[in-house]
């Protein structure tokens, strides 16, 4: 019995020892597994922190720096005004090739973010462009653009003569009894410049408009073509001959010099104004010259065959025209431009002083026209007290009108 008890005690001791050993082994294994799990958890945490740091470092650049180029072009002329998402701000207003960021950062004032990851890129160089909107997560940021100053488009249509040669000697080309072409000091033969076709009055040389426009933007920013009529008394009498000459001179300029064919403007005084309006009554000739706008001074009525912006100027007491001449000429433009019968005062043209008299431009603009239609019936006694001349406000008003388009 003592032996059995001894063996039993020994067995129990052995069993207890085995249990303790197993327990220790299990605990150590558990602790080892726990340490392994802890190491894995720590590594995951570090990885997450690195990822967050990387994401934070990918915020869009501060306002004024360019983001990554996007895949869609912003529409020219339309400021970006949509609500911003949570992405980064775009570059400076109107800057070329500027993009909003598609992830993280401060919001801008551009278009609302959409889905996906592309940025919207604005077109180049407008002074009033909206600033880039911020993308949300994966959304698109954007930069808006605005039109050119003065309302016109910045896109030029170069003539075939661009790049052929530089500025002619003394900035002038003269063909006796036929034409004068004046080139601004800034003309380089590479950058297309607007073209002014200026028709002189009866009895005047074709230098008339050269003198009238001297010192104005029409001299410094436009190529000026001043045709000369071959008709008796320097009057534009023979339409077929005169129109053929003007169209040929125009074609020669396009072929040999650098002008913007989308910005061709016409002016004329008296007989020259009549010739200008007569050209507009011949649709094929008018379309060939492709005037962007015209400003006849003291013309006579013709049936205008094209829709065209016009600043029509005449003296309210013009002694060289019939009482209804101006009214009827303007009516032809109103019909061509599909204007309403109603009008409102046009105050963009200021008065001036002429021969000691305060001149009222007397301008109105017609309502609901397909093209701007302005009539100035002034009281300037200019041109030997006939009220028939180019008034003191005329050249500036014409320049501002052309630049507004």
Protein backbone atom coordinates (compact mmCIF):
# COMPACT_ATOMS: atom_id res chain seq x y z
CA UNK A 1 0.00 0.00 0.00
CA UNK A 2 2.91 2.36 0.83
CA UNK A 3 4.43 1.55 -2.51
CA UNK A 4 1.17 2.27 -4.27
CA UNK A 5 0.86 5.54 -2.41
CA UNK A 6 4.44 6.41 -3.32
CA UNK A 7 3.85 5.52 -6.91
CA UNK A 8 0.57 7.40 -6.84
CA UNK A 9 2.22 10.48 -5.38
CA UNK A 10 5.03 10.23 -7.89
CA UNK A 11 2.51 9.89 -10.70
CA UNK A 12 0.59 12.87 -9.47
CA UNK A 13 3.80 14.87 -9.22
CA UNK A 14 4.78 13.85 -12.71
CA UNK A 15 1.33 14.73 -14.03
CA UNK A 16 1.41 18.09 -12.24
CA UNK A 17 4.87 18.81 -13.60
CA UNK A 18 3.73 17.86 -17.08
CA UNK A 19 0.69 20.10 -16.76
CA UNK A 20 2.85 23.02 -15.53
CA UNK A 21 5.31 22.49 -18.34
CA UNK A 22 2.53 22.34 -20.88
CA UNK A 23 0.98 25.42 -19.40
CA UNK A 24 4.27 27.30 -19.54
CA UNK A 25 4.79 26.20 -23.11
CA UNK A 26 1.27 27.29 -24.05
CA UNK A 27 1.67 30.62 -22.31
CA UNK A 28 5.01 31.20 -24.02
CA UNK A 29 3.52 30.24 -27.35
CA UNK A 30 0.58 32.51 -26.72
CA UNK A 31 2.86 35.34 -25.67
CA UNK A 32 5.00 34.77 -28.75
CA UNK A 33 1.94 34.86 -30.97
CA UNK A 34 0.75 37.95 -29.17
CA UNK A 35 4.11 39.61 -29.73
CA UNK A 36 3.93 38.65 -33.41
CA UNK A 37 0.42 40.09 -33.65
CA UNK A 38 1.62 43.24 -31.89
CA UNK A 39 4.49 43.58 -34.35
CA UNK A 40 2.09 43.20 -37.30
CA UNK A 41 -0.30 45.71 -35.76
CA UNK A 42 2.58 48.15 -35.22
CA UNK A 43 3.75 47.75 -38.82
CA UNK A 44 0.22 48.36 -40.13
CA UNK A 45 -0.05 51.48 -37.96
CA UNK A 46 3.26 52.80 -39.26
CA UNK A 47 2.15 52.07 -42.82
CA UNK A 48 -1.10 53.94 -42.24
CA UNK A 49 0.79 56.92 -40.79
CA UNK A 50 3.12 56.98 -43.80
CA UNK A 51 0.12 56.79 -46.14
CA UNK A 52 -1.61 59.66 -44.34
CA UNK A 53 1.58 61.70 -44.49
CA UNK A 54 1.91 60.98 -48.19
CA UNK A 55 -1.71 61.98 -48.77
CA UNK A 56 -1.15 65.18 -46.80
CA UNK A 57 1.90 66.00 -48.89
CA UNK A 58 -0.18 65.59 -52.11
CA UNK A 59 -2.40 68.58 -51.37
CA UNK A 60 -2.82 71.02 -54.21
CA UNK A 61 -0.22 73.80 -54.47
CA UNK A 62 -1.04 77.11 -52.80
CA UNK A 63 -3.02 79.68 -54.69
CA UNK A 64 -0.91 80.94 -57.56
CA UNK A 65 1.05 77.73 -58.31
CA UNK A 66 0.07 75.43 -61.15
CA UNK A 67 -1.39 71.99 -60.47
CA UNK A 68 -1.06 68.99 -62.75
CA UNK A 69 -2.36 69.59 -66.29
CA UNK A 70 -5.84 68.30 -66.79
CA UNK A 71 -7.55 66.59 -69.66
CA UNK A 72 -10.34 68.96 -70.61
CA UNK A 73 -10.03 72.54 -71.78
CA UNK A 74 -11.97 75.28 -69.98
CA UNK A 75 -14.28 77.30 -72.21
CA UNK A 76 -12.86 80.69 -73.16
CA UNK A 77 -14.84 83.65 -71.96
CA UNK A 78 -16.78 81.84 -69.18
CA UNK A 79 -15.68 82.66 -65.61
CA UNK A 80 -15.70 79.65 -63.32
CA UNK A 81 -18.36 80.27 -60.68
CA UNK A 82 -19.44 76.86 -59.41
CA UNK A 83 -19.21 75.78 -55.79
CA UNK A 84 -15.88 74.35 -54.70
CA UNK A 85 -15.38 70.82 -53.46
CA UNK A 86 -12.77 69.80 -50.94
CA UNK A 87 -9.81 69.79 -53.27
CA UNK A 88 -7.07 72.35 -53.84
CA UNK A 89 -7.29 75.83 -55.27
CA UNK A 90 -6.20 76.58 -58.80
CA UNK A 91 -3.60 78.99 -60.13
CA UNK A 92 -3.90 82.73 -60.65
CA UNK A 93 -6.86 84.19 -62.46
CA UNK A 94 -6.65 83.89 -66.21
CA UNK A 95 -3.17 82.32 -66.17
CA UNK A 96 -2.35 80.01 -69.08
CA UNK A 97 -2.26 76.25 -68.57
CA UNK A 98 -3.18 76.38 -64.87
CA UNK A 99 -4.96 73.48 -63.24
CA UNK A 100 -6.81 72.73 -60.04
CA UNK A 101 -5.75 69.76 -57.95
CA UNK A 102 -7.89 66.65 -57.74
CA UNK A 103 -7.19 65.75 -54.13
CA UNK A 104 -7.06 67.28 -50.67
CA UNK A 105 -6.39 70.91 -49.78
CA UNK A 106 -8.08 74.25 -49.59
CA UNK A 107 -11.13 75.04 -51.63
CA UNK A 108 -11.24 77.50 -54.52
CA UNK A 109 -14.07 79.30 -56.29
CA UNK A 110 -14.24 77.29 -59.49
CA UNK A 111 -16.75 74.74 -60.73
CA UNK A 112 -18.09 72.06 -58.47
CA UNK A 113 -16.14 68.81 -58.25
CA UNK A 114 -17.32 65.80 -60.17
CA UNK A 115 -16.33 62.19 -60.12
CA UNK A 116 -13.08 60.87 -61.53
CA UNK A 117 -9.61 62.32 -61.27
CA UNK A 118 -9.03 64.71 -64.16
CA UNK A 119 -8.49 68.44 -63.70
CA UNK A 120 -10.08 71.08 -65.88
CA UNK A 121 -7.53 73.36 -67.50
CA UNK A 122 -8.36 76.91 -68.56
CA UNK A 123 -7.38 78.43 -71.86
CA UNK A 124 -4.67 81.06 -71.88
CA UNK A 125 -4.37 84.69 -71.03
CA UNK A 126 -7.54 86.53 -70.09
CA UNK A 127 -7.46 89.24 -67.45
CA UNK A 128 -10.73 88.32 -65.74
CA UNK A 129 -10.48 84.54 -65.47
CA UNK A 130 -12.06 82.81 -62.49
CA UNK A 131 -9.76 80.94 -60.12
CA UNK A 132 -9.60 77.19 -60.07
CA UNK A 133 -12.21 75.27 -58.18
CA UNK A 134 -11.22 72.46 -55.89
CA UNK A 135 -11.95 68.83 -56.58
CA UNK A 136 -13.52 66.60 -54.02
CA UNK A 137 -12.09 63.17 -53.39
CA UNK A 138 -11.25 62.02 -56.88
CA UNK A 139 -13.14 65.04 -58.26
CA UNK A 140 -12.14 67.56 -60.87
CA UNK A 141 -10.84 71.03 -60.06
CA UNK A 142 -11.14 73.83 -62.57
CA UNK A 143 -9.87 77.17 -63.72
CA UNK A 144 -12.21 79.60 -65.51
CA UNK A 145 -11.31 82.08 -68.20
CA UNK A 146 -12.74 85.33 -69.43
CA UNK A 147 -12.94 87.06 -72.77
CA UNK A 148 -10.48 89.65 -73.91
CA UNK A 149 -10.63 93.11 -72.48
CA UNK A 150 -13.19 95.20 -74.30
CA UNK A 151 -15.46 92.25 -74.96
CA UNK A 152 -13.83 91.03 -78.13
CA UNK A 153 -12.24 87.68 -78.83
CA UNK A 154 -8.50 87.20 -78.52
CA UNK A 155 -8.37 84.69 -81.35
CA UNK A 156 -6.94 86.21 -84.53
CA UNK A 157 -7.34 84.91 -88.08
CA UNK A 158 -3.97 85.56 -89.73
CA UNK A 159 -3.84 86.56 -93.38
CA UNK A 160 -1.67 84.66 -95.86
CA UNK A 161 0.93 87.45 -95.72
CA UNK A 162 1.85 86.83 -92.07
CA UNK A 163 5.52 85.93 -91.83
CA UNK A 164 6.40 87.10 -95.33
CA UNK A 165 8.18 90.32 -94.41
CA UNK A 166 8.65 92.89 -91.69
CA UNK A 167 7.53 96.49 -91.48
CA UNK A 168 7.95 98.40 -94.75
CA UNK A 169 10.43 101.29 -94.86
CA UNK A 170 9.05 104.30 -92.95
CA UNK A 171 5.96 102.22 -92.17
CA UNK A 172 4.23 103.24 -95.38
CA UNK A 173 3.42 101.91 -98.85
CA UNK A 174 2.17 104.45 -101.40
CA UNK A 175 0.95 103.85 -104.93
CA UNK A 176 0.32 107.24 -106.50
CA UNK A 177 -3.35 107.99 -107.21
CA UNK A 178 -4.35 104.51 -106.03
CA UNK A 179 -3.66 103.79 -102.36
CA UNK A 180 -1.77 104.49 -99.16
CA UNK A 181 -1.10 101.75 -96.60
CA UNK A 182 0.14 102.87 -93.17
CA UNK A 183 1.66 100.40 -90.68
CA UNK A 184 1.87 101.05 -86.92
CA UNK A 185 5.28 101.20 -85.26
CA UNK A 186 4.43 97.89 -83.54
CA UNK A 187 3.82 96.09 -86.84
CA UNK A 188 6.36 93.26 -87.26
CA UNK A 189 4.87 91.17 -90.06
CA UNK A 190 4.27 88.26 -87.69
CA UNK A 191 1.47 89.32 -85.34
CA UNK A 192 -1.88 89.89 -87.15
CA UNK A 193 -3.20 93.42 -86.67
CA UNK A 194 -6.71 94.77 -87.36
CA UNK A 195 -7.27 96.43 -90.73
CA UNK A 196 -9.05 99.75 -91.27
CA UNK A 197 -10.35 100.61 -94.75
CA UNK A 198 -10.91 104.38 -94.86
CA UNK A 199 -12.66 106.12 -97.77
CA UNK A 200 -12.15 109.87 -98.26
CA UNK A 201 -14.81 112.49 -98.97
CA UNK A 202 -15.48 113.99 -102.39
CA UNK A 203 -12.89 116.65 -103.23
CA UNK A 204 -10.47 115.33 -100.57
CA UNK A 205 -7.22 113.42 -101.09
CA UNK A 206 -6.91 109.91 -99.73
CA UNK A 207 -4.71 111.31 -96.97
CA UNK A 208 -7.89 112.69 -95.31
CA UNK A 209 -8.33 109.81 -92.87
CA UNK A 210 -4.57 109.63 -92.32
CA UNK A 211 -4.84 113.12 -90.86
CA UNK A 212 -8.11 112.50 -89.00
CA UNK A 213 -6.77 109.38 -87.23
CA UNK A 214 -3.34 110.77 -86.38
CA UNK A 215 -2.48 110.22 -82.72
CA UNK A 216 -5.42 107.87 -82.17
CA UNK A 217 -5.46 104.11 -81.58
CA UNK A 218 -6.53 103.77 -85.22
CA UNK A 219 -3.02 104.98 -86.10
CA UNK A 220 -1.08 103.04 -83.47
CA UNK A 221 -2.95 99.73 -83.47
CA UNK A 222 -4.41 99.26 -86.96
CA UNK A 223 -3.03 98.78 -90.44
CA UNK A 224 -4.79 101.53 -92.45
CA UNK A 225 -5.69 101.09 -96.10
CA UNK A 226 -6.73 104.37 -97.74
CA UNK A 227 -7.84 103.80 -101.34
CA UNK A 228 -8.06 106.67 -103.80
CA UNK A 229 -10.85 107.00 -106.34
CA UNK A 230 -10.02 107.66 -109.97
CA UNK A 231 -13.33 109.43 -110.57
CA UNK A 232 -13.66 113.10 -111.49
CA UNK A 233 -13.41 115.51 -108.58
CA UNK A 234 -12.22 112.79 -106.21
CA UNK A 235 -15.81 111.60 -105.82
CA UNK A 236 -16.80 107.94 -105.58
CA UNK A 237 -19.14 107.90 -108.59
CA UNK A 238 -18.45 104.72 -110.57
CA UNK A 239 -19.31 101.81 -108.28
CA UNK A 240 -18.00 99.02 -110.54
CA UNK A 241 -14.56 100.57 -111.00
CA UNK A 242 -14.18 101.71 -107.41
CA UNK A 243 -15.35 98.46 -105.82
CA UNK A 244 -13.01 96.43 -108.05
CA UNK A 245 -10.10 98.62 -106.98
CA UNK A 246 -10.93 98.37 -103.25
CA UNK A 247 -11.36 94.58 -103.37
CA UNK A 248 -8.04 94.15 -105.24
CA UNK A 249 -6.18 96.32 -102.75
CA UNK A 250 -7.74 94.36 -99.90
CA UNK A 251 -6.68 91.04 -101.48
CA UNK A 252 -3.14 92.32 -102.01
CA UNK A 253 -2.86 93.29 -98.34
CA UNK A 254 -4.03 89.85 -97.23
CA UNK A 255 -1.55 88.16 -99.56
CA UNK A 256 1.48 90.28 -98.64
CA UNK A 257 1.02 91.70 -95.15
CA UNK A 258 -0.02 90.41 -91.74
CA UNK A 259 -3.54 91.42 -90.76
CA UNK A 260 -6.34 89.80 -88.80
CA UNK A 261 -9.05 88.94 -91.33
CA UNK A 262 -11.60 88.63 -88.52
CA UNK A 263 -11.09 92.31 -87.59
CA UNK A 264 -11.60 94.35 -90.76
CA UNK A 265 -13.36 97.68 -90.19
CA UNK A 266 -14.68 100.34 -92.55
CA UNK A 267 -15.03 104.12 -92.23
CA UNK A 268 -15.96 106.76 -94.76
CA UNK A 269 -16.94 110.40 -94.93
CA UNK A 270 -19.51 111.97 -97.24
CA UNK A 271 -18.98 110.48 -100.72
CA UNK A 272 -16.65 107.92 -99.15
CA UNK A 273 -19.36 107.00 -96.64
CA UNK A 274 -21.81 106.57 -99.51
CA UNK A 275 -19.33 104.25 -101.23
CA UNK A 276 -18.93 102.26 -98.02
CA UNK A 277 -22.69 101.80 -97.57
CA UNK A 278 -23.06 101.01 -101.28
CA UNK A 279 -20.54 98.17 -100.83
CA UNK A 280 -22.76 96.81 -98.04
CA UNK A 281 -25.71 96.83 -100.44
CA UNK A 282 -23.79 94.42 -102.73
CA UNK A 283 -23.82 91.23 -100.72
CA UNK A 284 -20.97 89.44 -102.54
CA UNK A 285 -18.67 92.46 -102.19
CA UNK A 286 -19.61 92.94 -98.53
CA UNK A 287 -18.94 89.28 -97.77
CA UNK A 288 -15.62 89.43 -99.63
CA UNK A 289 -14.39 92.31 -97.46
CA UNK A 290 -15.88 90.64 -94.37
CA UNK A 291 -16.26 93.83 -92.32
CA UNK A 292 -16.59 93.28 -88.60
CA UNK A 293 -18.20 96.72 -88.23
CA UNK A 294 -18.54 100.05 -90.05
CA UNK A 295 -18.83 103.73 -89.14
CA UNK A 296 -20.13 105.87 -92.02
CA UNK A 297 -20.18 109.65 -91.50
CA UNK A 298 -22.80 111.60 -93.50
CA UNK A 299 -23.75 108.95 -96.06
CA UNK A 300 -26.94 108.44 -98.07
CA UNK A 301 -29.35 105.46 -97.89
CA UNK A 302 -28.68 102.14 -99.62
CA UNK A 303 -30.36 98.77 -99.07
CA UNK A 304 -27.89 97.09 -96.70
CA UNK A 305 -27.62 93.41 -97.62
CA UNK A 306 -25.79 92.02 -94.56
CA UNK A 307 -26.21 92.10 -90.80
CA UNK A 308 -23.43 94.30 -89.44
CA UNK A 309 -22.62 96.39 -86.35
CA UNK A 310 -22.83 100.08 -87.25
CA UNK A 311 -22.10 103.46 -85.69
CA UNK A 312 -23.86 105.90 -88.03
CA UNK A 313 -22.85 109.57 -87.58
CA UNK A 314 -24.42 112.62 -89.16
CA UNK A 315 -25.05 116.30 -88.41
CA UNK A 316 -28.58 117.04 -87.28
CA UNK A 317 -28.47 120.23 -89.40
CA UNK A 318 -26.36 118.86 -92.28
CA UNK A 319 -26.76 121.29 -95.17
CA UNK A 320 -25.27 118.84 -97.71
CA UNK A 321 -27.93 116.19 -97.24
CA UNK A 322 -31.70 116.13 -97.52
CA UNK A 323 -33.72 116.38 -94.34
CA UNK A 324 -34.58 112.66 -94.37
CA UNK A 325 -31.22 111.32 -95.60
CA UNK A 326 -29.87 110.24 -92.22
CA UNK A 327 -33.19 108.88 -90.99
CA UNK A 328 -33.63 106.79 -94.12
CA UNK A 329 -30.02 105.55 -94.08
CA UNK A 330 -30.37 104.43 -90.48
CA UNK A 331 -33.68 102.74 -91.33
CA UNK A 332 -31.81 100.57 -93.88
CA UNK A 333 -29.35 99.44 -91.20
CA UNK A 334 -32.18 98.83 -88.73
CA UNK A 335 -33.90 96.57 -91.26
CA UNK A 336 -30.70 94.65 -92.02
CA UNK A 337 -29.99 94.24 -88.29
CA UNK A 338 -33.61 93.32 -87.44
CA UNK A 339 -33.93 96.05 -84.82
CA UNK A 340 -37.06 97.05 -82.95
CA UNK A 341 -38.53 100.49 -83.55
CA UNK A 342 -37.65 101.54 -80.02
CA UNK A 343 -34.32 102.92 -78.81
CA UNK A 344 -32.63 104.37 -75.75
CA UNK A 345 -29.99 107.07 -75.26
CA UNK A 346 -26.43 105.89 -75.86
CA UNK A 347 -24.28 107.69 -73.31
CA UNK A 348 -20.94 105.96 -73.90
CA UNK A 349 -19.98 108.75 -76.33
CA UNK A 350 -19.07 112.01 -74.60
CA UNK A 351 -19.54 115.54 -75.88
CA UNK A 352 -16.71 117.86 -76.94
CA UNK A 353 -15.89 121.43 -77.96
CA UNK A 354 -15.83 122.55 -81.61
CA UNK A 355 -15.49 126.12 -82.89
CA UNK A 356 -16.35 127.40 -79.42
CA UNK A 357 -19.52 125.32 -79.35
CA UNK A 358 -20.35 122.53 -76.89
CA UNK A 359 -21.20 119.55 -79.07
CA UNK A 360 -23.91 117.09 -78.09
CA UNK A 361 -23.28 113.73 -79.81
CA UNK A 362 -27.04 113.02 -79.73
CA UNK A 363 -26.57 109.24 -79.81
CA UNK A 364 -29.18 106.50 -79.46
CA UNK A 365 -28.95 102.73 -79.67
CA UNK A 366 -31.80 100.63 -81.06
CA UNK A 367 -33.37 97.78 -79.11
CA UNK A 368 -33.29 94.06 -79.84
CA UNK A 369 -30.93 94.27 -82.82
CA UNK A 370 -29.08 91.28 -84.26
CA UNK A 371 -26.02 93.57 -84.32
CA UNK A 372 -25.37 96.84 -82.44
CA UNK A 373 -27.03 99.73 -84.27
CA UNK A 374 -26.12 103.23 -83.01
CA UNK A 375 -27.10 106.57 -84.52
CA UNK A 376 -25.40 109.82 -83.50
CA UNK A 377 -27.15 112.97 -84.77
CA UNK A 378 -24.77 115.69 -83.55
CA UNK A 379 -24.69 119.48 -83.61
CA UNK A 380 -21.03 120.05 -84.55
CA UNK A 381 -20.85 122.85 -87.18
CA UNK A 382 -17.56 121.39 -88.45
CA UNK A 383 -16.73 121.34 -92.19
CA UNK A 384 -17.16 125.01 -93.02
CA UNK A 385 -20.21 125.38 -90.80
CA UNK A 386 -22.13 122.77 -92.83
CA UNK A 387 -22.54 120.26 -89.97
CA UNK A 388 -21.42 117.75 -92.61
CA UNK A 389 -17.94 116.88 -91.31
CA UNK A 390 -16.47 114.27 -88.97
CA UNK A 391 -17.44 115.73 -85.56
CA UNK A 392 -14.98 116.44 -82.74
CA UNK A 393 -16.00 113.24 -80.92
CA UNK A 394 -16.00 111.15 -84.10
CA UNK A 395 -12.60 109.42 -84.21
CA UNK A 396 -12.60 108.51 -80.51
CA UNK A 397 -16.20 107.26 -80.71
CA UNK A 398 -15.37 105.14 -83.76
CA UNK A 399 -12.24 103.73 -82.09
CA UNK A 400 -14.13 102.84 -78.90
CA UNK A 401 -16.97 101.27 -80.91
CA UNK A 402 -14.64 99.06 -82.90
CA UNK A 403 -12.76 98.02 -79.77
CA UNK A 404 -16.00 97.09 -78.01
CA UNK A 405 -16.74 94.35 -80.52
